[in-house]
Amino acid sequence: MSQENVKRSIGIQLLIMAAFIGVFLAAISLVGGGFENRGSRFWVTLISIIFAQVLWFNVPVWLAATDARNKDSFPFQFTAVTFCTMYAAGVFVMALVVVFTDIPSPWVTLAHLILLFFLAASLGMYSMAGRAIDSMDAADKRDKAGHQQLVLHVQAVCDRASMVESPLGKAAQTALAELKEAMQYATGESIPGSEGADAEITRHLSQIEGFLVDLEGAADDEAVQGFVDQVVREVKLAKMAIDRREKLILSLR
């Protein structure tokens, strides 16, 4: 959603909220007996209803303003909507209790304070849980980034090797296919302490890329065979580096 559409959506939502509150207050003034000679029960209930309306109407505004739809935690943010809806429902029930019973003012105030405490505590716990989820998601992406880069690097090298037309290049292509499989079945994350192992694999891949470039420009079959042998050798070293990486990650966990 563009910034202009977000602003338009927020503006429409705020207008609807203002209209809803205006109609509510007008209804009280016209058919609900007005605002004169009202006790504390009425004012506590009225203020709570208006607060619940403002809160409930502004949840979509918050979701739009924070671009929540494009965040990984978007499904969890509906929990906040649920808490606000439950609070609004509780305020509505209390309003009915005030209308149809003679419950004393202190009990009305206490009930609304309990509802407000429930809302604050629920949103507070949700906020802490949301930050924890965001932190775990960020850590998970960071841990997987190193492995994903290696997988993409191996794929790029294999794609380059597939361009070799000489029949002698089949050995290099076969070796790289085995390397690709080894990388795909390796641990799908890079944890703190495994950076050196990732760097070692990257160095071998860079060496292989260099030999493939030389292979493409080889003048005769003897030169091609020499570069193919170099590629196969580097692939073996890369596979041994992957094995060491697996053992290292296992020991670091």
Protein backbone atom coordinates (compact mmCIF):
# COMPACT_ATOMS: atom_id res chain seq x y z
CA MET A 1 0.00 0.00 0.00
CA SER A 2 1.40 3.40 -1.00
CA GLN A 3 1.93 6.18 1.51
CA GLU A 4 -0.91 8.17 -0.03
CA ASN A 5 -3.33 5.25 0.29
CA VAL A 6 -2.25 4.70 3.90
CA LYS A 7 -2.98 8.35 4.74
CA ARG A 8 -6.35 8.15 2.98
CA SER A 9 -7.25 4.96 4.86
CA ILE A 10 -6.27 6.50 8.19
CA GLY A 11 -8.25 9.65 7.43
CA ILE A 12 -11.40 7.70 6.51
CA GLN A 13 -11.10 5.58 9.66
CA LEU A 14 -10.76 8.67 11.86
CA LEU A 15 -13.77 10.31 10.20
CA ILE A 16 -15.85 7.18 10.81
CA MET A 17 -14.74 7.16 14.45
CA ALA A 18 -15.64 10.84 14.92
CA ALA A 19 -19.03 10.31 13.26
CA PHE A 20 -19.75 7.27 15.41
CA ILE A 21 -18.91 9.10 18.63
CA GLY A 22 -20.92 12.14 17.49
CA VAL A 23 -23.99 10.00 16.78
CA PHE A 24 -23.58 8.25 20.15
CA LEU A 25 -23.42 11.53 22.08
CA ALA A 26 -26.33 12.97 20.08
CA ALA A 27 -28.42 9.91 20.89
CA ILE A 28 -27.75 10.37 24.60
CA SER A 29 -28.63 14.04 24.36
CA LEU A 30 -31.83 13.59 22.35
CA VAL A 31 -33.34 10.33 23.62
CA GLY A 32 -31.20 9.34 26.57
CA GLY A 33 -32.11 12.14 28.91
CA GLY A 34 -29.22 14.50 28.16
CA PHE A 35 -26.20 15.17 30.36
CA GLU A 36 -27.69 17.19 33.20
CA ASN A 37 -28.12 15.90 36.74
CA ARG A 38 -26.12 12.77 36.07
CA GLY A 39 -24.26 10.83 38.72
CA SER A 40 -20.78 9.33 38.72
CA ARG A 41 -22.13 6.02 37.36
CA PHE A 42 -23.20 7.78 34.17
CA TRP A 43 -19.98 9.72 33.66
CA VAL A 44 -17.70 6.75 34.35
CA THR A 45 -19.71 4.66 31.91
CA LEU A 46 -19.80 7.40 29.27
CA ILE A 47 -16.07 8.08 29.44
CA SER A 48 -15.33 4.34 29.32
CA ILE A 49 -17.55 3.88 26.25
CA ILE A 50 -15.90 6.77 24.40
CA PHE A 51 -12.44 5.50 25.33
CA ALA A 52 -13.34 1.98 24.14
CA GLN A 53 -14.65 3.40 20.86
CA VAL A 54 -11.52 5.47 20.27
CA LEU A 55 -9.32 2.50 21.10
CA TRP A 56 -11.21 0.01 18.94
CA PHE A 57 -11.46 2.34 15.95
CA ASN A 58 -7.77 3.20 16.11
CA VAL A 59 -6.52 -0.39 15.97
CA PRO A 60 -6.89 -0.44 12.14
CA VAL A 61 -5.20 2.98 12.07
CA TRP A 62 -2.27 1.53 14.00
CA LEU A 63 -2.06 -1.48 11.68
CA ALA A 64 -2.05 0.77 8.62
CA ALA A 65 0.38 3.35 10.05
CA THR A 66 2.93 0.68 11.04
CA ASP A 67 2.57 -1.16 7.70
CA ALA A 68 1.79 -4.25 9.77
CA ARG A 69 0.52 -6.24 6.80
CA ASN A 70 4.03 -6.44 5.35
CA LYS A 71 5.65 -7.68 8.56
CA ASP A 72 6.28 -11.29 9.56
CA SER A 73 4.53 -10.74 12.87
CA PHE A 74 1.28 -9.62 11.18
CA PRO A 75 -0.75 -12.73 12.19
CA PHE A 76 0.20 -12.19 15.84
CA GLN A 77 -0.96 -8.56 15.75
CA PHE A 78 -4.56 -9.75 15.55
CA THR A 79 -4.08 -10.76 19.19
CA ALA A 80 -4.00 -7.06 20.06
CA VAL A 81 -7.21 -6.57 18.06
CA THR A 82 -8.81 -9.39 20.05
CA PHE A 83 -7.83 -7.82 23.39
CA CYS A 84 -9.26 -4.45 22.33
CA THR A 85 -12.47 -6.10 21.15
CA MET A 86 -12.82 -7.97 24.43
CA TYR A 87 -12.33 -4.71 26.35
CA ALA A 88 -14.96 -2.93 24.23
CA ALA A 89 -17.37 -5.82 24.78
CA GLY A 90 -16.76 -5.67 28.53
CA VAL A 91 -17.48 -1.93 28.58
CA PHE A 92 -20.71 -2.51 26.62
CA VAL A 93 -21.82 -5.19 29.09
CA MET A 94 -21.11 -2.85 32.00
CA ALA A 95 -23.16 -0.14 30.30
CA LEU A 96 -26.10 -2.54 30.15
CA VAL A 97 -25.61 -3.42 33.81
CA VAL A 98 -25.71 0.28 34.72
CA VAL A 99 -28.88 0.84 32.65
CA PHE A 100 -30.84 -2.11 33.99
CA THR A 101 -29.62 -2.34 37.60
CA ASP A 102 -28.98 -0.08 40.55
CA ILE A 103 -25.38 -1.14 41.03
CA PRO A 104 -23.56 1.42 43.21
CA SER A 105 -21.13 3.87 41.62
CA PRO A 106 -18.02 2.51 43.41
CA TRP A 107 -18.68 -0.93 41.93
CA VAL A 108 -19.11 0.55 38.47
CA THR A 109 -15.82 2.39 38.78
CA LEU A 110 -14.09 -0.71 40.11
CA ALA A 111 -15.42 -2.84 37.25
CA HIS A 112 -14.14 -0.37 34.65
CA LEU A 113 -10.76 -0.19 36.38
CA ILE A 114 -10.55 -4.00 36.29
CA LEU A 115 -11.38 -3.97 32.57
CA LEU A 116 -8.76 -1.29 31.98
CA PHE A 117 -6.18 -3.27 33.97
CA PHE A 118 -7.00 -6.38 31.91
CA LEU A 119 -6.49 -4.39 28.70
CA ALA A 120 -3.20 -2.85 29.84
CA ALA A 121 -1.81 -6.14 31.14
CA SER A 122 -2.87 -8.03 28.02
CA LEU A 123 -1.37 -5.48 25.63
CA GLY A 124 1.77 -5.32 27.75
CA MET A 125 2.26 -9.08 27.61
CA TYR A 126 1.44 -9.03 23.91
CA SER A 127 4.02 -6.30 23.31
CA MET A 128 6.74 -8.24 25.11
CA ALA A 129 5.82 -11.43 23.27
CA GLY A 130 5.79 -9.55 19.97
CA ARG A 131 9.28 -8.16 20.55
CA ALA A 132 10.50 -11.64 21.49
CA ILE A 133 8.98 -13.11 18.32
CA ASP A 134 10.53 -10.37 16.17
CA SER A 135 13.90 -10.97 17.82
CA MET A 136 13.69 -14.74 17.23
CA ASP A 137 12.66 -14.22 13.60
CA ALA A 138 15.56 -11.83 13.02
CA ALA A 139 18.02 -14.26 14.65
CA ASP A 140 16.64 -17.15 12.59
CA LYS A 141 17.04 -15.20 9.34
CA ARG A 142 20.54 -14.11 10.35
CA ASP A 143 21.53 -17.69 11.16
CA LYS A 144 20.20 -19.01 7.86
CA ALA A 145 21.68 -16.21 5.74
CA GLY A 146 25.22 -17.66 5.69
CA HIS A 147 24.06 -21.11 4.59
CA GLN A 148 21.74 -19.67 1.95
CA GLN A 149 24.58 -17.61 0.50
CA LEU A 150 26.73 -20.74 0.25
CA VAL A 151 23.91 -22.65 -1.45
CA LEU A 152 23.45 -19.85 -3.98
CA HIS A 153 27.20 -19.64 -4.55
CA VAL A 154 27.40 -23.37 -5.24
CA GLN A 155 24.44 -23.11 -7.62
CA ALA A 156 26.13 -20.25 -9.48
CA VAL A 157 29.32 -22.31 -9.85
CA CYS A 158 27.32 -25.31 -11.10
CA ASP A 159 25.53 -23.11 -13.62
CA ARG A 160 28.86 -21.87 -14.88
CA ALA A 161 30.21 -25.40 -15.15
CA SER A 162 27.16 -26.44 -17.19
CA MET A 163 28.30 -24.01 -19.88
CA VAL A 164 31.48 -26.02 -20.49
CA GLU A 165 31.07 -27.72 -23.89
CA SER A 166 34.13 -29.96 -23.86
CA PRO A 167 33.41 -33.64 -23.07
CA LEU A 168 36.34 -33.48 -20.67
CA GLY A 169 34.32 -31.08 -18.52
CA LYS A 170 31.86 -33.79 -17.51
CA ALA A 171 34.08 -34.81 -14.58
CA ALA A 172 33.97 -31.25 -13.23
CA GLN A 173 30.21 -31.08 -13.66
CA THR A 174 29.73 -34.40 -11.86
CA ALA A 175 31.98 -33.32 -8.99
CA LEU A 176 30.12 -30.02 -8.64
CA ALA A 177 26.77 -31.83 -8.64
CA GLU A 178 28.00 -33.88 -5.66
CA LEU A 179 29.18 -30.66 -3.97
CA LYS A 180 25.76 -29.09 -4.53
CA GLU A 181 24.05 -32.08 -2.93
CA ALA A 182 26.44 -32.00 0.05
CA MET A 183 25.71 -28.30 0.56
CA GLN A 184 21.96 -28.78 0.35
CA TYR A 185 22.01 -31.49 3.04
CA ALA A 186 24.37 -29.53 5.28
CA THR A 187 23.11 -27.76 8.40
CA GLY A 188 20.85 -24.97 7.18
CA GLU A 189 22.22 -22.28 9.47
CA SER A 190 25.43 -20.49 10.33
CA ILE A 191 25.79 -19.98 14.06
CA PRO A 192 28.27 -17.70 15.85
CA GLY A 193 31.68 -19.34 15.61
CA SER A 194 31.15 -20.97 12.22
CA GLU A 195 32.09 -17.89 10.20
CA GLY A 196 35.58 -19.23 9.52
CA ALA A 197 34.23 -22.50 8.11
CA ASP A 198 31.82 -20.59 5.85
CA ALA A 199 34.68 -18.39 4.66
CA GLU A 200 36.82 -21.44 3.88
CA ILE A 201 34.07 -22.96 1.72
CA THR A 202 33.64 -19.61 -0.03
CA ARG A 203 37.36 -19.50 -0.82
CA HIS A 204 37.22 -22.94 -2.43
CA LEU A 205 34.18 -21.89 -4.48
CA SER A 206 36.00 -18.78 -5.65
CA GLN A 207 38.97 -20.93 -6.67
CA ILE A 208 36.63 -23.22 -8.62
CA GLU A 209 35.11 -20.22 -10.39
CA GLY A 210 38.57 -19.07 -11.39
CA PHE A 211 39.49 -22.49 -12.81
CA LEU A 212 36.22 -22.60 -14.74
CA VAL A 213 37.01 -19.23 -16.30
CA ASP A 214 40.45 -20.53 -17.31
CA LEU A 215 38.85 -23.74 -18.59
CA GLU A 216 36.60 -21.79 -20.92
CA GLY A 217 39.62 -20.15 -22.48
CA ALA A 218 41.79 -23.30 -22.66
CA ALA A 219 43.55 -23.74 -25.99
CA ASP A 220 43.63 -27.55 -26.19
CA ASP A 221 42.37 -30.73 -24.50
CA GLU A 222 45.48 -31.01 -22.36
CA ALA A 223 44.87 -27.59 -20.87
CA VAL A 224 41.19 -28.39 -20.40
CA GLN A 225 42.06 -31.59 -18.56
CA GLY A 226 44.46 -29.72 -16.31
CA PHE A 227 41.82 -27.20 -15.27
CA VAL A 228 39.22 -29.96 -14.82
CA ASP A 229 41.59 -31.75 -12.47
CA GLN A 230 42.03 -28.51 -10.51
CA VAL A 231 38.26 -28.11 -10.26
CA VAL A 232 37.82 -31.69 -9.03
CA ARG A 233 40.57 -31.17 -6.46
CA GLU A 234 38.99 -27.97 -5.15
CA VAL A 235 35.59 -29.67 -5.00
CA LYS A 236 37.06 -32.40 -2.78
CA LEU A 237 38.59 -29.76 -0.53
CA ALA A 238 35.27 -27.91 -0.39
CA LYS A 239 33.43 -31.12 0.59
CA MET A 240 35.97 -31.77 3.34
CA ALA A 241 35.42 -28.17 4.52
CA ILE A 242 31.67 -28.83 4.62
CA ASP A 243 32.27 -31.92 6.77
CA ARG A 244 34.42 -29.90 9.15
CA ARG A 245 31.72 -27.23 9.25
CA GLU A 246 29.15 -29.84 10.26
CA LYS A 247 31.33 -31.08 13.10
CA LEU A 248 32.06 -27.51 14.21
CA ILE A 249 28.40 -26.51 14.32
CA LEU A 250 27.57 -29.70 16.22
CA SER A 251 30.22 -28.89 18.81
CA LEU A 252 29.08 -25.26 19.15
CA ARG A 253 25.44 -26.08 19.90
